Amino acid sequence: MLDSDAVLVERTLKLNDQQAFARLMLRHQLVVRSLLARCCRNDRHAVDDLVQETFLRAYLSLSSFRSEAKFSTWLYRIAFNLVADKFRRKSLDYCDLDSIQGIADNCKLLSQSDLRGDLVKALDKISEQQKIAVRLCLEEGYTHADAAEAMNLPLGTVKSHVSRGRAQLQQLLVHWGEVA
């Protein structure tokens, strides 16, 4: 029987059990890597660095983890904060939102590279919080509540960010057709 995340966190903290934390890493590394790969446009080196930094920060701040949220949500928040920090410092070309449902479907006859370029330009014109909220809810499939937890923001704020971000993207990309 597999130990729960909570049991592994407790063993890591109380017994300084490195194997317990290694099991947490193994359990969550593929999802963290996948999430970061999409954020970093599959830049393998950037993803490797961010995955390593995510787990290092998680280990160093494990004592601040409160079991009110799932460990995975807490870990994903660390990963997203790292990406957001890198984006703020412009050391990463941020997220590629070319897979937002509806945009590509409405633009079948137009070049994907042109769409991608216009998306990047449009994303530069919306706030960072809106970018993250749109990405989580529209691309990653998070519920508004899960996104609020991951972004450490009130639910209403996340809903506003998604709504405003989507509306601005619709305006900015109107020449591509209606954004779903």
C-alpha atoms as a PDB file:
ATOM      1  CA  MET A   1       0.000   0.000   0.000  1.00  0.00           C
ATOM      2  CA  LEU A   2       1.302   3.433  -0.936  1.00  0.00           C
ATOM      3  CA  ASP A   3       1.792   6.039   1.741  1.00  0.00           C
ATOM      4  CA  SER A   4      -0.237   9.202   1.259  1.00  0.00           C
ATOM      5  CA  ASP A   5       1.462  12.503   0.539  1.00  0.00           C
ATOM      6  CA  ALA A   6       0.602  13.633   4.069  1.00  0.00           C
ATOM      7  CA  VAL A   7       2.337  10.596   5.595  1.00  0.00           C
ATOM      8  CA  LEU A   8       5.421  11.147   3.441  1.00  0.00           C
ATOM      9  CA  VAL A   9       5.553  14.841   4.370  1.00  0.00           C
ATOM     10  CA  GLU A  10       5.240  13.965   8.053  1.00  0.00           C
ATOM     11  CA  ARG A  11       8.001  11.341   7.815  1.00  0.00           C
ATOM     12  CA  THR A  12      10.248  13.819   6.028  1.00  0.00           C
ATOM     13  CA  LEU A  13       9.709  16.491   8.670  1.00  0.00           C
ATOM     14  CA  LYS A  14       9.634  14.432  11.858  1.00  0.00           C
ATOM     15  CA  LEU A  15      12.151  11.724  11.000  1.00  0.00           C
ATOM     16  CA  ASN A  16      14.265  13.614   8.466  1.00  0.00           C
ATOM     17  CA  ASP A  17      13.476  10.696   6.148  1.00  0.00           C
ATOM     18  CA  GLN A  18      15.126  11.538   2.813  1.00  0.00           C
ATOM     19  CA  GLN A  19      13.567   8.468   1.201  1.00  0.00           C
ATOM     20  CA  ALA A  20      10.085   9.784   2.024  1.00  0.00           C
ATOM     21  CA  PHE A  21      10.814  13.051   0.227  1.00  0.00           C
ATOM     22  CA  ALA A  22      12.358  11.127  -2.680  1.00  0.00           C
ATOM     23  CA  ARG A  23       9.081   9.209  -2.995  1.00  0.00           C
ATOM     24  CA  LEU A  24       7.169  12.511  -3.071  1.00  0.00           C
ATOM     25  CA  MET A  25       9.471  13.727  -5.842  1.00  0.00           C
ATOM     26  CA  LEU A  26       9.003  10.549  -7.858  1.00  0.00           C
ATOM     27  CA  ARG A  27       5.256  10.694  -7.385  1.00  0.00           C
ATOM     28  CA  HIS A  28       4.905  14.289  -8.609  1.00  0.00           C
ATOM     29  CA  GLN A  29       7.852  14.894 -10.939  1.00  0.00           C
ATOM     30  CA  LEU A  30       6.135  13.921 -14.193  1.00  0.00           C
ATOM     31  CA  VAL A  31       3.203  16.265 -13.654  1.00  0.00           C
ATOM     32  CA  VAL A  32       5.473  19.103 -12.513  1.00  0.00           C
ATOM     33  CA  ARG A  33       7.774  18.511 -15.495  1.00  0.00           C
ATOM     34  CA  SER A  34       4.833  18.407 -17.908  1.00  0.00           C
ATOM     35  CA  LEU A  35       3.347  21.582 -16.489  1.00  0.00           C
ATOM     36  CA  LEU A  36       6.687  23.408 -16.666  1.00  0.00           C
ATOM     37  CA  ALA A  37       7.406  22.074 -20.177  1.00  0.00           C
ATOM     38  CA  ARG A  38       4.240  23.722 -21.435  1.00  0.00           C
ATOM     39  CA  CYS A  39       5.177  26.951 -19.678  1.00  0.00           C
ATOM     40  CA  CYS A  40       8.674  26.915 -21.143  1.00  0.00           C
ATOM     41  CA  ARG A  41       7.734  25.848 -24.659  1.00  0.00           C
ATOM     42  CA  ASN A  42       9.508  22.536 -24.092  1.00  0.00           C
ATOM     43  CA  ASP A  43      12.898  24.192 -23.486  1.00  0.00           C
ATOM     44  CA  ARG A  44      14.416  21.090 -21.895  1.00  0.00           C
ATOM     45  CA  HIS A  45      17.203  22.940 -20.092  1.00  0.00           C
ATOM     46  CA  ALA A  46      14.869  25.542 -18.602  1.00  0.00           C
ATOM     47  CA  VAL A  47      12.433  22.790 -17.571  1.00  0.00           C
ATOM     48  CA  ASP A  48      15.214  20.764 -15.928  1.00  0.00           C
ATOM     49  CA  ASP A  49      16.368  23.816 -13.982  1.00  0.00           C
ATOM     50  CA  LEU A  50      12.834  24.721 -12.897  1.00  0.00           C
ATOM     51  CA  VAL A  51      11.950  21.167 -11.841  1.00  0.00           C
ATOM     52  CA  GLN A  52      15.094  20.986  -9.742  1.00  0.00           C
ATOM     53  CA  GLU A  53      14.427  24.408  -8.236  1.00  0.00           C
ATOM     54  CA  THR A  54      10.774  23.501  -7.541  1.00  0.00           C
ATOM     55  CA  PHE A  55      11.702  20.429  -5.522  1.00  0.00           C
ATOM     56  CA  LEU A  56      14.569  22.195  -3.773  1.00  0.00           C
ATOM     57  CA  ARG A  57      12.255  25.010  -2.682  1.00  0.00           C
ATOM     58  CA  ALA A  58       9.605  22.490  -1.663  1.00  0.00           C
ATOM     59  CA  TYR A  59      12.117  20.626   0.479  1.00  0.00           C
ATOM     60  CA  LEU A  60      13.509  23.788   2.077  1.00  0.00           C
ATOM     61  CA  SER A  61      10.044  25.151   2.875  1.00  0.00           C
ATOM     62  CA  LEU A  62       8.336  21.853   3.696  1.00  0.00           C
ATOM     63  CA  SER A  63       7.840  22.953   7.290  1.00  0.00           C
ATOM     64  CA  SER A  64       5.580  25.753   6.020  1.00  0.00           C
ATOM     65  CA  PHE A  65       3.285  23.258   4.267  1.00  0.00           C
ATOM     66  CA  ARG A  66      -0.095  23.166   5.978  1.00  0.00           C
ATOM     67  CA  SER A  67      -2.226  20.158   5.258  1.00  0.00           C
ATOM     68  CA  GLU A  68      -5.211  22.430   4.556  1.00  0.00           C
ATOM     69  CA  ALA A  69      -4.479  22.029   0.842  1.00  0.00           C
ATOM     70  CA  LYS A  70      -3.240  19.007  -1.055  1.00  0.00           C
ATOM     71  CA  PHE A  71       0.515  18.637  -1.268  1.00  0.00           C
ATOM     72  CA  SER A  72       0.264  18.583  -5.067  1.00  0.00           C
ATOM     73  CA  THR A  73      -1.507  21.961  -5.130  1.00  0.00           C
ATOM     74  CA  TRP A  74       1.142  23.449  -2.853  1.00  0.00           C
ATOM     75  CA  LEU A  75       3.908  21.992  -5.029  1.00  0.00           C
ATOM     76  CA  TYR A  76       2.319  23.248  -8.266  1.00  0.00           C
ATOM     77  CA  ARG A  77       2.016  26.704  -6.726  1.00  0.00           C
ATOM     78  CA  ILE A  78       5.763  26.673  -6.095  1.00  0.00           C
ATOM     79  CA  ALA A  79       6.370  25.682  -9.730  1.00  0.00           C
ATOM     80  CA  PHE A  80       4.056  28.401 -11.072  1.00  0.00           C
ATOM     81  CA  ASN A  81       5.631  31.017  -8.821  1.00  0.00           C
ATOM     82  CA  LEU A  82       9.058  30.075 -10.171  1.00  0.00           C
ATOM     83  CA  VAL A  83       7.832  30.409 -13.773  1.00  0.00           C
ATOM     84  CA  ALA A  84       6.164  33.720 -12.968  1.00  0.00           C
ATOM     85  CA  ASP A  85       9.396  34.974 -11.357  1.00  0.00           C
ATOM     86  CA  LYS A  86      11.410  33.935 -14.409  1.00  0.00           C
ATOM     87  CA  PHE A  87       8.874  35.626 -16.657  1.00  0.00           C
ATOM     88  CA  ARG A  88       9.034  38.837 -14.634  1.00  0.00           C
ATOM     89  CA  ARG A  89      12.801  38.807 -15.071  1.00  0.00           C
ATOM     90  CA  LYS A  90      12.316  38.029 -18.780  1.00  0.00           C
ATOM     91  CA  SER A  91      14.683  35.062 -18.572  1.00  0.00           C
ATOM     92  CA  LEU A  92      12.067  32.753 -20.080  1.00  0.00           C
ATOM     93  CA  ASP A  93       9.825  33.175 -23.066  1.00  0.00           C
ATOM     94  CA  TYR A  94       6.637  32.576 -21.110  1.00  0.00           C
ATOM     95  CA  CYS A  95       3.761  30.287 -21.833  1.00  0.00           C
ATOM     96  CA  ASP A  96       2.602  29.305 -25.282  1.00  0.00           C
ATOM     97  CA  LEU A  97      -1.180  29.348 -25.185  1.00  0.00           C
ATOM     98  CA  ASP A  98      -1.648  28.001 -28.705  1.00  0.00           C
ATOM     99  CA  SER A  99      -3.690  25.138 -27.334  1.00  0.00           C
ATOM    100  CA  ILE A 100      -6.463  27.229 -25.806  1.00  0.00           C
ATOM    101  CA  GLN A 101      -9.546  25.437 -26.997  1.00  0.00           C
ATOM    102  CA  GLY A 102     -11.383  27.245 -29.726  1.00  0.00           C
ATOM    103  CA  ILE A 103      -8.682  29.534 -31.073  1.00  0.00           C
ATOM    104  CA  ALA A 104      -7.070  26.950 -33.344  1.00  0.00           C
ATOM    105  CA  ASP A 105     -10.462  25.510 -34.317  1.00  0.00           C
ATOM    106  CA  ASN A 106     -11.632  28.916 -35.545  1.00  0.00           C
ATOM    107  CA  CYS A 107      -8.406  29.541 -37.437  1.00  0.00           C
ATOM    108  CA  LYS A 108      -8.003  26.297 -39.393  1.00  0.00           C
ATOM    109  CA  LEU A 109      -7.166  28.036 -42.658  1.00  0.00           C
ATOM    110  CA  LEU A 110      -4.569  30.367 -41.145  1.00  0.00           C
ATOM    111  CA  SER A 111      -0.986  29.625 -40.298  1.00  0.00           C
ATOM    112  CA  GLN A 112      -0.398  28.346 -36.767  1.00  0.00           C
ATOM    113  CA  SER A 113       2.864  30.258 -36.573  1.00  0.00           C
ATOM    114  CA  ASP A 114       1.038  33.514 -37.310  1.00  0.00           C
ATOM    115  CA  LEU A 115      -1.524  32.699 -34.634  1.00  0.00           C
ATOM    116  CA  ARG A 116       1.198  31.826 -32.154  1.00  0.00           C
ATOM    117  CA  GLY A 117       2.956  35.116 -32.860  1.00  0.00           C
ATOM    118  CA  ASP A 118      -0.261  37.081 -32.415  1.00  0.00           C
ATOM    119  CA  LEU A 119      -1.019  35.215 -29.191  1.00  0.00           C
ATOM    120  CA  VAL A 120       2.385  36.102 -27.800  1.00  0.00           C
ATOM    121  CA  LYS A 121       1.803  39.754 -28.709  1.00  0.00           C
ATOM    122  CA  ALA A 122      -1.719  39.680 -27.221  1.00  0.00           C
ATOM    123  CA  LEU A 123      -0.471  38.069 -24.028  1.00  0.00           C
ATOM    124  CA  ASP A 124       2.082  40.848 -23.646  1.00  0.00           C
ATOM    125  CA  LYS A 125      -0.846  43.255 -23.413  1.00  0.00           C
ATOM    126  CA  ILE A 126      -2.711  41.555 -20.553  1.00  0.00           C
ATOM    127  CA  SER A 127      -1.601  41.526 -16.945  1.00  0.00           C
ATOM    128  CA  GLU A 128       0.651  38.817 -15.586  1.00  0.00           C
ATOM    129  CA  GLN A 129      -2.046  37.623 -13.181  1.00  0.00           C
ATOM    130  CA  GLN A 130      -4.503  37.354 -16.062  1.00  0.00           C
ATOM    131  CA  LYS A 131      -1.978  35.331 -18.088  1.00  0.00           C
ATOM    132  CA  ILE A 132      -1.501  32.858 -15.269  1.00  0.00           C
ATOM    133  CA  ALA A 133      -5.233  32.594 -14.524  1.00  0.00           C
ATOM    134  CA  VAL A 134      -6.107  32.136 -18.202  1.00  0.00           C
ATOM    135  CA  ARG A 135      -3.418  29.503 -18.568  1.00  0.00           C
ATOM    136  CA  LEU A 136      -4.517  27.558 -15.514  1.00  0.00           C
ATOM    137  CA  CYS A 137      -8.237  27.635 -16.235  1.00  0.00           C
ATOM    138  CA  LEU A 138      -8.391  27.545 -20.021  1.00  0.00           C
ATOM    139  CA  GLU A 139      -5.340  25.522 -20.939  1.00  0.00           C
ATOM    140  CA  GLU A 140      -4.561  23.387 -17.909  1.00  0.00           C
ATOM    141  CA  GLY A 141      -8.207  22.691 -17.072  1.00  0.00           C
ATOM    142  CA  TYR A 142      -8.080  23.891 -13.474  1.00  0.00           C
ATOM    143  CA  THR A 143     -11.348  24.874 -11.864  1.00  0.00           C
ATOM    144  CA  HIS A 144     -11.497  28.473 -10.710  1.00  0.00           C
ATOM    145  CA  ALA A 145     -11.249  27.220  -7.107  1.00  0.00           C
ATOM    146  CA  ASP A 146      -8.127  25.139  -7.848  1.00  0.00           C
ATOM    147  CA  ALA A 147      -6.546  28.041  -9.722  1.00  0.00           C
ATOM    148  CA  ALA A 148      -7.315  30.362  -6.799  1.00  0.00           C
ATOM    149  CA  GLU A 149      -5.574  27.939  -4.466  1.00  0.00           C
ATOM    150  CA  ALA A 150      -2.586  27.534  -6.799  1.00  0.00           C
ATOM    151  CA  MET A 151      -2.250  31.299  -7.257  1.00  0.00           C
ATOM    152  CA  ASN A 152      -2.936  32.005  -3.593  1.00  0.00           C
ATOM    153  CA  LEU A 153      -5.677  34.478  -4.516  1.00  0.00           C
ATOM    154  CA  PRO A 154      -9.353  34.796  -3.574  1.00  0.00           C
ATOM    155  CA  LEU A 155     -11.734  32.879  -5.826  1.00  0.00           C
ATOM    156  CA  GLY A 156     -13.492  36.046  -7.039  1.00  0.00           C
ATOM    157  CA  THR A 157     -10.178  37.602  -8.024  1.00  0.00           C
ATOM    158  CA  VAL A 158      -9.238  34.589 -10.126  1.00  0.00           C
ATOM    159  CA  LYS A 159     -12.666  34.594 -11.789  1.00  0.00           C
ATOM    160  CA  SER A 160     -12.167  38.273 -12.618  1.00  0.00           C
ATOM    161  CA  HIS A 161      -8.672  37.641 -13.995  1.00  0.00           C
ATOM    162  CA  VAL A 162      -9.948  34.834 -16.233  1.00  0.00           C
ATOM    163  CA  SER A 163     -12.939  36.829 -17.412  1.00  0.00           C
ATOM    164  CA  ARG A 164     -10.991  40.022 -18.077  1.00  0.00           C
ATOM    165  CA  GLY A 165      -8.065  38.162 -19.638  1.00  0.00           C
ATOM    166  CA  ARG A 166     -10.371  36.229 -21.948  1.00  0.00           C
ATOM    167  CA  ALA A 167     -12.246  39.413 -22.917  1.00  0.00           C
ATOM    168  CA  GLN A 168      -9.005  41.250 -23.670  1.00  0.00           C
ATOM    169  CA  LEU A 169      -7.678  38.323 -25.704  1.00  0.00           C
ATOM    170  CA  GLN A 170     -10.939  38.239 -27.650  1.00  0.00           C
ATOM    171  CA  GLN A 171     -10.567  41.937 -28.438  1.00  0.00           C
ATOM    172  CA  LEU A 172      -6.903  41.624 -29.332  1.00  0.00           C
ATOM    173  CA  LEU A 173      -7.454  38.537 -31.488  1.00  0.00           C
ATOM    174  CA  VAL A 174     -10.747  39.589 -33.095  1.00  0.00           C
ATOM    175  CA  HIS A 175      -9.213  39.340 -36.564  1.00  0.00           C
ATOM    176  CA  TRP A 176      -8.694  35.574 -35.969  1.00  0.00           C
ATOM    177  CA  GLY A 177     -12.377  34.966 -35.332  1.00  0.00           C
ATOM    178  CA  GLU A 178     -14.338  34.567 -32.132  1.00  0.00           C
ATOM    179  CA  VAL A 179     -12.335  33.134 -29.219  1.00  0.00           C
ATOM    180  CA  ALA A 180     -14.298  30.473 -27.355  1.00  0.00           C
END
